[in-house]
C-alpha atoms as a PDB file:
ATOM      1  CA  MET A   1     -24.573 -67.307  35.055  1.00  0.00           C
ATOM      2  CA  TRP A   2     -22.217 -64.239  34.523  1.00  0.00           C
ATOM      3  CA  ARG A   3     -19.072 -64.827  32.241  1.00  0.00           C
ATOM      4  CA  GLN A   4     -16.638 -62.265  30.440  1.00  0.00           C
ATOM      5  CA  LEU A   5     -16.646 -62.977  26.224  1.00  0.00           C
ATOM      6  CA  THR A   6     -13.353 -64.761  25.351  1.00  0.00           C
ATOM      7  CA  ARG A   7     -11.754 -65.060  22.556  1.00  0.00           C
ATOM      8  CA  ASP A   8     -12.848 -68.128  20.866  1.00  0.00           C
ATOM      9  CA  ASP A   9     -16.272 -67.157  21.541  1.00  0.00           C
ATOM     10  CA  MET A  10     -15.327 -64.589  18.604  1.00  0.00           C
ATOM     11  CA  ILE A  11     -13.764 -66.812  16.879  1.00  0.00           C
ATOM     12  CA  ALA A  12     -15.937 -69.130  16.439  1.00  0.00           C
ATOM     13  CA  LYS A  13     -19.208 -66.525  15.358  1.00  0.00           C
ATOM     14  CA  LEU A  14     -16.745 -66.111  12.560  1.00  0.00           C
ATOM     15  CA  SER A  15     -17.940 -67.537   8.916  1.00  0.00           C
ATOM     16  CA  GLU A  16     -15.459 -68.901   8.055  1.00  0.00           C
ATOM     17  CA  SER A  17     -14.382 -65.885   5.280  1.00  0.00           C
ATOM     18  CA  GLU A  18     -14.577 -63.849   7.861  1.00  0.00           C
ATOM     19  CA  ALA A  19     -11.881 -65.444  10.263  1.00  0.00           C
ATOM     20  CA  ASN A  20     -10.016 -66.040   6.691  1.00  0.00           C
ATOM     21  CA  ALA A  21      -9.909 -62.391   6.034  1.00  0.00           C
ATOM     22  CA  PHE A  22      -9.314 -62.055  10.387  1.00  0.00           C
ATOM     23  CA  ALA A  23      -6.673 -64.721  10.322  1.00  0.00           C
ATOM     24  CA  LYS A  24      -3.945 -62.769   7.158  1.00  0.00           C
ATOM     25  CA  LYS A  25      -3.756 -59.940   8.873  1.00  0.00           C
ATOM     26  CA  ALA A  26      -1.246 -58.897  10.326  1.00  0.00           C
ATOM     27  CA  TRP A  27      -2.039 -56.761  13.546  1.00  0.00           C
ATOM     28  CA  ALA A  28       0.800 -54.804  15.832  1.00  0.00           C
ATOM     29  CA  VAL A  29      -2.179 -55.870  18.245  1.00  0.00           C
ATOM     30  CA  ASP A  30      -4.595 -57.754  18.218  1.00  0.00           C
ATOM     31  CA  PRO A  31      -8.175 -56.459  18.445  1.00  0.00           C
ATOM     32  CA  ILE A  32     -10.684 -58.580  19.807  1.00  0.00           C
ATOM     33  CA  PRO A  33      -9.054 -58.641  23.770  1.00  0.00           C
ATOM     34  CA  ALA A  34     -10.148 -54.312  23.952  1.00  0.00           C
ATOM     35  CA  LEU A  35     -13.502 -55.399  21.906  1.00  0.00           C
ATOM     36  CA  LEU A  36     -14.234 -57.790  23.902  1.00  0.00           C
ATOM     37  CA  VAL A  37     -13.947 -55.595  27.112  1.00  0.00           C
ATOM     38  CA  MET A  38     -15.470 -52.572  25.293  1.00  0.00           C
ATOM     39  CA  THR A  39     -18.820 -54.347  24.520  1.00  0.00           C
ATOM     40  CA  GLY A  40     -18.417 -56.490  27.599  1.00  0.00           C
ATOM     41  CA  ASP A  41     -18.655 -53.198  29.908  1.00  0.00           C
ATOM     42  CA  TYR A  42     -21.156 -51.707  26.955  1.00  0.00           C
ATOM     43  CA  VAL A  43     -23.326 -54.857  28.287  1.00  0.00           C
ATOM     44  CA  ARG A  44     -22.964 -54.358  31.584  1.00  0.00           C
ATOM     45  CA  ASP A  45     -23.759 -50.252  31.320  1.00  0.00           C
ATOM     46  CA  CYS A  46     -27.046 -51.094  29.749  1.00  0.00           C
ATOM     47  CA  CYS A  47     -27.221 -54.057  33.540  1.00  0.00           C
ATOM     48  CA  ARG A  48     -26.662 -50.661  35.479  1.00  0.00           C
ATOM     49  CA  SER A  49     -28.989 -48.382  33.297  1.00  0.00           C
ATOM     50  CA  ASN A  50     -32.418 -50.911  34.448  1.00  0.00           C
ATOM     51  CA  GLY A  51     -32.294 -50.760  38.102  1.00  0.00           C
ATOM     52  CA  ASN A  52     -33.449 -54.271  38.669  1.00  0.00           C
ATOM     53  CA  VAL A  53     -30.030 -56.437  37.514  1.00  0.00           C
ATOM     54  CA  ARG A  54     -27.498 -57.326  40.221  1.00  0.00           C
ATOM     55  CA  LEU A  55     -23.657 -56.853  38.569  1.00  0.00           C
ATOM     56  CA  SER A  56     -20.966 -59.259  39.182  1.00  0.00           C
ATOM     57  CA  PRO A  57     -18.017 -57.907  40.801  1.00  0.00           C
ATOM     58  CA  GLU A  58     -16.254 -59.479  37.776  1.00  0.00           C
ATOM     59  CA  GLU A  59     -15.111 -56.927  35.530  1.00  0.00           C
ATOM     60  CA  HIS A  60     -16.422 -57.101  31.960  1.00  0.00           C
ATOM     61  CA  SER A  61     -18.961 -60.305  32.664  1.00  0.00           C
ATOM     62  CA  ILE A  62     -21.926 -60.007  32.027  1.00  0.00           C
ATOM     63  CA  PRO A  63     -25.322 -62.491  31.455  1.00  0.00           C
ATOM     64  CA  SER A  64     -24.227 -65.788  29.356  1.00  0.00           C
ATOM     65  CA  GLY A  65     -27.707 -64.392  28.480  1.00  0.00           C
ATOM     66  CA  CYS A  66     -27.069 -61.918  26.785  1.00  0.00           C
ATOM     67  CA  ILE A  67     -23.351 -64.019  24.791  1.00  0.00           C
ATOM     68  CA  THR A  68     -24.654 -64.016  21.721  1.00  0.00           C
ATOM     69  CA  LYS A  69     -25.878 -60.745  21.341  1.00  0.00           C
ATOM     70  CA  ALA A  70     -22.583 -59.309  22.791  1.00  0.00           C
ATOM     71  CA  LEU A  71     -20.841 -61.353  20.014  1.00  0.00           C
ATOM     72  CA  ASP A  72     -23.062 -59.877  17.525  1.00  0.00           C
ATOM     73  CA  TYR A  73     -22.468 -56.516  18.477  1.00  0.00           C
ATOM     74  CA  ALA A  74     -18.236 -57.333  18.778  1.00  0.00           C
ATOM     75  CA  ILE A  75     -18.164 -58.398  15.559  1.00  0.00           C
ATOM     76  CA  TYR A  76     -19.643 -56.035  13.192  1.00  0.00           C
ATOM     77  CA  ASP A  77     -17.400 -53.465  14.773  1.00  0.00           C
ATOM     78  CA  LEU A  78     -14.203 -56.471  14.697  1.00  0.00           C
ATOM     79  CA  LEU A  79     -15.104 -56.496  10.645  1.00  0.00           C
ATOM     80  CA  LYS A  80     -15.241 -52.619  10.260  1.00  0.00           C
ATOM     81  CA  ARG A  81     -12.179 -52.695  11.790  1.00  0.00           C
ATOM     82  CA  ILE A  82     -10.418 -55.693   9.260  1.00  0.00           C
ATOM     83  CA  GLY A  83     -11.559 -53.662   6.079  1.00  0.00           C
ATOM     84  CA  VAL A  84     -13.962 -56.889   5.457  1.00  0.00           C
ATOM     85  CA  PRO A  85     -17.205 -55.906   3.453  1.00  0.00           C
ATOM     86  CA  VAL A  86     -19.451 -56.194   6.490  1.00  0.00           C
ATOM     87  CA  GLY A  87     -23.316 -58.426   5.060  1.00  0.00           C
ATOM     88  CA  LYS A  88     -27.004 -57.424   5.341  1.00  0.00           C
ATOM     89  CA  ASP A  89     -27.100 -60.912   7.035  1.00  0.00           C
ATOM     90  CA  ARG A  90     -24.308 -59.072   9.954  1.00  0.00           C
ATOM     91  CA  GLU A  91     -25.382 -55.178   9.361  1.00  0.00           C
ATOM     92  CA  LYS A  92     -29.291 -56.961  11.188  1.00  0.00           C
ATOM     93  CA  ALA A  93     -27.451 -58.602  13.542  1.00  0.00           C
ATOM     94  CA  ARG A  94     -25.752 -55.128  15.102  1.00  0.00           C
ATOM     95  CA  GLU A  95     -29.121 -53.351  14.828  1.00  0.00           C
ATOM     96  CA  LYS A  96     -31.163 -55.802  16.772  1.00  0.00           C
ATOM     97  CA  ALA A  97     -28.017 -56.549  19.266  1.00  0.00           C
ATOM     98  CA  GLU A  98     -28.632 -52.411  20.174  1.00  0.00           C
ATOM     99  CA  ASP A  99     -32.322 -52.992  20.034  1.00  0.00           C
ATOM    100  CA  TYR A 100     -30.991 -55.590  23.082  1.00  0.00           C
ATOM    101  CA  PHE A 101     -29.233 -53.589  24.782  1.00  0.00           C
ATOM    102  CA  GLU A 102     -31.285 -50.577  24.462  1.00  0.00           C
ATOM    103  CA  ARG A 103     -34.636 -52.277  25.661  1.00  0.00           C
ATOM    104  CA  ILE A 104     -32.818 -54.225  28.480  1.00  0.00           C
ATOM    105  CA  SER A 105     -31.135 -50.635  29.476  1.00  0.00           C
ATOM    106  CA  LYS A 106     -34.628 -49.178  29.626  1.00  0.00           C
ATOM    107  CA  GLY A 107     -35.941 -51.690  31.609  1.00  0.00           C
ATOM    108  CA  GLU A 108     -37.868 -53.808  28.959  1.00  0.00           C
ATOM    109  CA  PHE A 109     -37.355 -57.196  30.639  1.00  0.00           C
ATOM    110  CA  ASN A 110     -34.410 -57.839  32.636  1.00  0.00           C
ATOM    111  CA  PRO A 111     -31.888 -60.790  32.071  1.00  0.00           C
ATOM    112  CA  GLU A 112     -30.459 -62.309  35.012  1.00  0.00           C
ATOM    113  CA  SER A 113     -28.920 -61.245  37.918  1.00  0.00           C
ATOM    114  CA  TYR A 114     -25.839 -61.922  39.370  1.00  0.00           C
ATOM    115  CA  GLY A 115     -25.659 -64.973  41.137  1.00  0.00           C
ATOM    116  CA  ALA A 116     -29.368 -66.276  40.841  1.00  0.00           C
ATOM    117  CA  SER A 117     -30.683 -69.710  40.180  1.00  0.00           C
ATOM    118  CA  ASP A 118     -30.652 -71.541  37.116  1.00  0.00           C
ATOM    119  CA  THR A 119     -34.356 -71.309  37.578  1.00  0.00           C
ATOM    120  CA  ALA A 120     -34.292 -68.167  38.534  1.00  0.00           C
ATOM    121  CA  GLN A 121     -37.311 -65.897  36.913  1.00  0.00           C
ATOM    122  CA  SER A 122     -36.468 -62.543  35.519  1.00  0.00           C
ATOM    123  CA  GLY A 123     -37.547 -59.942  36.958  1.00  0.00           C
ATOM    124  CA  GLY A 124     -38.318 -59.135  40.227  1.00  0.00           C
ATOM    125  CA  PRO A 125     -36.495 -59.115  43.944  1.00  0.00           C
ATOM    126  CA  ALA A 126     -33.707 -60.357  43.871  1.00  0.00           C
ATOM    127  CA  ILE A 127     -34.373 -62.108  47.182  1.00  0.00           C
ATOM    128  CA  SER A 128     -37.003 -62.699  49.308  1.00  0.00           C
ATOM    129  CA  LEU A 129     -37.638 -62.566  53.565  1.00  0.00           C
ATOM    130  CA  VAL A 130     -39.843 -64.754  54.868  1.00  0.00           C
ATOM    131  CA  THR A 131     -40.738 -63.699  58.292  1.00  0.00           C
ATOM    132  CA  THR A 132     -41.009 -66.105  61.396  1.00  0.00           C
ATOM    133  CA  TYR A 133     -42.270 -66.055  64.919  1.00  0.00           C
ATOM    134  CA  PRO A 134     -41.434 -68.417  67.799  1.00  0.00           C
ATOM    135  CA  ASP A 135     -44.475 -70.852  69.195  1.00  0.00           C
ATOM    136  CA  ARG A 136     -46.384 -69.058  72.119  1.00  0.00           C
ATOM    137  CA  VAL A 137     -45.351 -69.693  75.076  1.00  0.00           C
ATOM    138  CA  ASP A 138     -48.881 -70.101  77.119  1.00  0.00           C
ATOM    139  CA  HIS A 139     -47.720 -70.167  80.556  1.00  0.00           C
ATOM    140  CA  MET A 140     -44.030 -69.052  81.774  1.00  0.00           C
ATOM    141  CA  GLU A 141     -41.858 -70.557  85.202  1.00  0.00           C
ATOM    142  CA  GLY A 142     -39.405 -70.583  87.810  1.00  0.00           C
ATOM    143  CA  LEU A 143     -39.991 -65.929  87.795  1.00  0.00           C
END
């Protein structure tokens, strides 16, 4: 399943101290929607570069298997923007997310393609063709 990242996704992944720091900040414009769009587009670009992943026609939507790493990627940018010290765990999560998406981009593995069933294996063709032949006619009548 593919979907867009949401504000609720991001807020749920923040620690209590990070969420409090974000809530206390006075914003002229909430940065979360723009960060989520940029992150979604980054993930889609990596999937597009892979060459074996069929993209969703819905803009900014990403494979559900990429959501956690995408949030790790976006939260780092959010924390930098609000001026909260970024801990080693967040830095490591960002590095892992960047590595994960780089590997997708290089084709080292494939996230789910758009429209794939829940049990579909990643990689390989998105569809398979099956050819059937009509029963053989042993005699002709009516000619």
